[in-house]
Amino acid sequence: VPSEPPMPVVLPDWMLIRTGYASIRVDTLEAAIRRVTEVAGLMGGYVANSSFQTGEQAARSATLEIKLPTARYQAAFDQLSGIGRVTNASTSTQDVGEEYVDISARTANAKRLEERLVTLLATRAGKLEEVLGVERELARVRQEIERYEGRLRYLERQVAMSTLSVTVFESGPLVGNPGDNVIRDAFKEAWRNFVGVVAGGIALLGVIVPVGLVLVGVGFG
């Protein structure tokens, strides 16, 4: 059965998938995590995924991926500065309008073909092989429609809900080996450097003074 030309589809002005990222330095990790979760809830979103990083000699951090209604995305993004010091932030968008229009047209064409096949199957009284062929084509078209409609639903969900990944981290601790006093060791290192400079100066004088005496003797000779 020949396919009909695609029907024109009006491009929606909201077919953008928005994805954002922010990195925030905070004083207390636990409080920051609670605050990010609260912001997501207040904006009608939720925390979809989370990960944590801890270590004895590393800054503690957590990354929370939150899903937000696209209409509230910017408002949520603006709330991040109240959690801590934002050190990095970015937002990217993916325009899926062209794909949405194309799949919508394919879906419309497939549904028209489905209607014609159903009508043909209901009125055709030919050979069994021909009837089975129409049934197979109808099954294929219906699977195609389901695939198209599933993709359209996916795009609509992605457009309706934006993704914002927020990493909160504490400042790295000033650490040393167990039992070490970091400040005391820093002063010791500074003193060693000072002594080294003085010793180097004395050694240099030990070379310069004899040479100077020789030059003076030559001058008076």
Protein backbone atom coordinates (compact mmCIF):
# COMPACT_ATOMS: atom_id res chain seq x y z
CA VAL A 1 0.00 0.00 0.00
CA PRO A 2 1.62 3.32 -1.02
CA SER A 3 2.24 5.74 1.81
CA GLU A 4 0.76 9.21 1.79
CA PRO A 5 2.85 12.39 2.11
CA PRO A 6 3.50 13.47 5.70
CA MET A 7 1.13 15.92 7.32
CA PRO A 8 2.66 19.29 8.31
CA VAL A 9 3.32 19.55 12.04
CA VAL A 10 3.70 22.84 13.89
CA LEU A 11 7.02 23.03 15.75
CA PRO A 12 6.43 23.57 19.49
CA ASP A 13 8.50 26.37 20.99
CA TRP A 14 9.23 24.38 24.15
CA MET A 15 10.97 21.31 22.75
CA LEU A 16 14.24 21.93 24.57
CA ILE A 17 15.91 19.49 26.93
CA ARG A 18 17.69 21.52 29.58
CA THR A 19 20.61 20.13 31.61
CA GLY A 20 22.58 22.03 34.24
CA TYR A 21 25.54 21.56 36.56
CA ALA A 22 26.73 23.46 39.61
CA SER A 23 29.63 22.99 42.03
CA ILE A 24 29.27 24.56 45.48
CA ARG A 25 31.79 24.90 48.32
CA VAL A 26 30.04 24.53 51.67
CA ASP A 27 30.91 24.56 55.36
CA THR A 28 29.01 21.40 56.32
CA LEU A 29 28.26 18.64 53.83
CA GLU A 30 25.23 17.20 55.61
CA ALA A 31 23.49 20.58 55.88
CA ALA A 32 24.18 21.30 52.21
CA ILE A 33 22.71 17.96 51.12
CA ARG A 34 19.55 18.69 53.09
CA ARG A 35 19.32 22.13 51.54
CA VAL A 36 19.68 20.83 47.98
CA THR A 37 16.99 18.23 48.67
CA GLU A 38 14.72 20.94 50.10
CA VAL A 39 15.20 23.15 47.05
CA ALA A 40 14.28 20.24 44.77
CA GLY A 41 11.10 19.57 46.76
CA LEU A 42 10.06 23.22 46.93
CA MET A 43 10.40 23.50 43.16
CA GLY A 44 8.28 20.43 42.53
CA GLY A 45 11.23 18.16 41.79
CA TYR A 46 13.06 15.28 43.40
CA VAL A 47 16.52 13.76 43.85
CA ALA A 48 16.93 11.06 41.20
CA ASN A 49 20.49 9.93 41.92
CA SER A 50 23.19 10.69 44.49
CA SER A 51 26.80 9.76 45.18
CA PHE A 52 29.21 10.53 48.02
CA GLN A 53 32.98 10.76 48.36
CA THR A 54 34.78 10.72 51.68
CA GLY A 55 38.32 10.08 52.85
CA GLU A 56 40.65 10.76 55.74
CA GLN A 57 42.84 13.14 53.73
CA ALA A 58 40.34 14.30 51.08
CA ALA A 59 37.58 16.86 50.97
CA ARG A 60 34.16 15.30 51.52
CA SER A 61 31.74 15.80 48.65
CA ALA A 62 28.38 14.67 47.33
CA THR A 63 26.73 14.89 43.92
CA LEU A 64 22.94 15.00 43.69
CA GLU A 65 21.09 14.75 40.40
CA ILE A 66 17.72 16.42 40.71
CA LYS A 67 14.80 16.43 38.29
CA LEU A 68 12.83 19.67 38.09
CA PRO A 69 9.84 20.94 36.12
CA THR A 70 11.35 22.94 33.30
CA ALA A 71 9.25 25.96 34.23
CA ARG A 72 10.92 26.02 37.68
CA TYR A 73 14.46 25.25 36.54
CA GLN A 74 15.81 28.80 36.62
CA ALA A 75 14.20 29.52 39.97
CA ALA A 76 15.89 26.43 41.42
CA PHE A 77 19.21 27.40 39.84
CA ASP A 78 19.00 30.82 41.49
CA GLN A 79 18.53 29.18 44.90
CA LEU A 80 21.93 27.50 44.76
CA SER A 81 23.85 30.62 45.80
CA GLY A 82 22.12 30.42 49.19
CA ILE A 83 23.61 26.99 49.87
CA GLY A 84 27.27 27.99 49.67
CA ARG A 85 29.86 29.53 47.36
CA VAL A 86 29.13 28.53 43.78
CA THR A 87 32.51 27.80 42.16
CA ASN A 88 31.27 26.51 38.82
CA ALA A 89 27.92 26.52 37.06
CA SER A 90 26.68 25.81 33.55
CA THR A 91 23.47 25.10 31.64
CA SER A 92 23.12 23.41 28.26
CA THR A 93 20.08 22.82 26.06
CA GLN A 94 19.32 20.27 23.37
CA ASP A 95 16.72 21.18 20.78
CA VAL A 96 14.66 18.06 19.95
CA GLY A 97 11.92 19.94 18.10
CA GLU A 98 13.00 18.66 14.69
CA GLU A 99 13.02 15.05 15.87
CA TYR A 100 9.65 15.52 17.54
CA VAL A 101 8.11 16.92 14.35
CA ASP A 102 9.58 14.12 12.23
CA ILE A 103 8.34 11.35 14.52
CA SER A 104 4.92 12.98 14.83
CA ALA A 105 4.59 12.97 11.05
CA ARG A 106 5.70 9.33 10.85
CA THR A 107 3.17 8.41 13.51
CA ALA A 108 0.34 10.15 11.66
CA ASN A 109 1.24 8.38 8.41
CA ALA A 110 1.49 5.01 10.15
CA LYS A 111 -1.93 5.45 11.73
CA ARG A 112 -3.52 6.26 8.37
CA LEU A 113 -1.90 3.18 6.90
CA GLU A 114 -3.20 1.15 9.83
CA GLU A 115 -6.76 2.32 9.13
CA ARG A 116 -6.50 1.36 5.47
CA LEU A 117 -5.11 -2.07 6.33
CA VAL A 118 -7.91 -2.68 8.83
CA THR A 119 -10.49 -1.72 6.21
CA LEU A 120 -8.79 -3.91 3.60
CA LEU A 121 -8.69 -6.84 5.97
CA ALA A 122 -12.38 -6.45 6.83
CA THR A 123 -13.56 -6.31 3.20
CA ARG A 124 -11.08 -8.59 1.47
CA ALA A 125 -12.26 -12.10 0.69
CA GLY A 126 -9.26 -13.35 -1.23
CA LYS A 127 -6.85 -16.21 -0.73
CA LEU A 128 -5.70 -17.14 2.75
CA GLU A 129 -2.12 -16.29 1.85
CA GLU A 130 -3.14 -12.75 0.85
CA VAL A 131 -5.13 -12.27 4.03
CA LEU A 132 -2.22 -13.45 6.15
CA GLY A 133 0.05 -11.03 4.29
CA VAL A 134 -2.24 -8.11 5.16
CA GLU A 135 -2.34 -9.24 8.81
CA ARG A 136 1.46 -9.37 8.97
CA GLU A 137 1.73 -5.88 7.49
CA LEU A 138 -0.86 -4.61 9.97
CA ALA A 139 1.10 -6.11 12.89
CA ARG A 140 4.29 -4.48 11.62
CA VAL A 141 2.63 -1.08 11.28
CA ARG A 142 1.16 -1.29 14.77
CA GLN A 143 4.58 -2.12 16.25
CA GLU A 144 5.98 0.86 14.40
CA ILE A 145 3.26 3.11 15.83
CA GLU A 146 4.00 1.89 19.35
CA ARG A 147 7.71 2.60 18.87
CA TYR A 148 7.02 6.10 17.55
CA GLU A 149 4.59 6.91 20.33
CA GLY A 150 7.05 5.63 22.94
CA ARG A 151 9.74 7.93 21.58
CA LEU A 152 7.35 10.90 21.59
CA ARG A 153 6.42 10.24 25.21
CA TYR A 154 10.11 10.02 26.12
CA LEU A 155 10.90 13.35 24.46
CA GLU A 156 7.92 15.00 26.14
CA ARG A 157 9.08 13.77 29.55
CA GLN A 158 12.63 14.95 28.93
CA VAL A 159 11.40 18.37 27.87
CA ALA A 160 8.96 18.69 30.76
CA MET A 161 11.57 17.79 33.42
CA SER A 162 15.02 19.37 33.41
CA THR A 163 18.09 17.79 35.02
CA LEU A 164 20.33 19.68 37.43
CA SER A 165 23.43 17.99 38.89
CA VAL A 166 24.70 19.68 42.04
CA THR A 167 28.05 18.84 43.61
CA VAL A 168 28.58 20.13 47.15
CA PHE A 169 31.99 19.82 48.76
CA GLU A 170 33.81 20.91 51.88
CA SER A 171 37.18 22.65 51.81
CA GLY A 172 40.07 20.19 51.95
CA PRO A 173 41.41 19.68 55.49
CA LEU A 174 44.95 20.71 56.48
CA VAL A 175 46.27 17.27 57.39
CA GLY A 176 49.54 15.48 58.11
CA ASN A 177 50.58 12.11 59.42
CA PRO A 178 48.96 10.85 62.62
CA GLY A 179 50.47 12.60 65.63
CA ASP A 180 52.01 15.39 63.54
CA ASN A 181 51.57 19.05 64.38
CA VAL A 182 51.22 20.69 60.97
CA ILE A 183 51.76 24.27 62.20
CA ARG A 184 54.80 23.28 64.29
CA ASP A 185 56.30 21.42 61.32
CA ALA A 186 55.75 24.46 59.11
CA PHE A 187 57.72 26.66 61.54
CA LYS A 188 60.48 24.04 61.70
CA GLU A 189 60.74 24.02 57.92
CA ALA A 190 60.89 27.81 57.83
CA TRP A 191 63.67 27.80 60.47
CA ARG A 192 65.67 25.21 58.53
CA ASN A 193 65.39 27.34 55.41
CA PHE A 194 66.57 30.41 57.33
CA VAL A 195 69.57 28.56 58.79
CA GLY A 196 70.43 27.29 55.34
CA VAL A 197 70.44 30.80 53.92
CA VAL A 198 72.70 32.08 56.74
CA ALA A 199 75.07 29.15 56.38
CA GLY A 200 75.28 29.74 52.66
CA GLY A 201 76.11 33.39 53.28
CA ILE A 202 78.91 32.50 55.70
CA ALA A 203 80.35 30.01 53.25
CA LEU A 204 80.28 32.62 50.53
CA LEU A 205 82.12 35.08 52.78
CA GLY A 206 84.80 32.44 53.37
CA VAL A 207 85.55 32.61 49.64
CA ILE A 208 85.16 36.33 49.10
CA VAL A 209 87.35 37.51 52.06
CA PRO A 210 90.58 35.65 51.10
CA VAL A 211 90.20 36.77 47.49
CA GLY A 212 89.74 40.34 48.69
CA LEU A 213 92.88 40.17 50.80
CA VAL A 214 94.87 38.91 47.85
CA LEU A 215 93.64 41.73 45.66
CA VAL A 216 94.51 44.29 48.35
CA GLY A 217 98.03 42.85 48.67
CA VAL A 218 98.52 43.07 44.92
CA GLY A 219 97.39 46.67 44.99
CA PHE A 220 99.99 47.61 47.57
CA GLY A 221 102.75 45.52 46.03
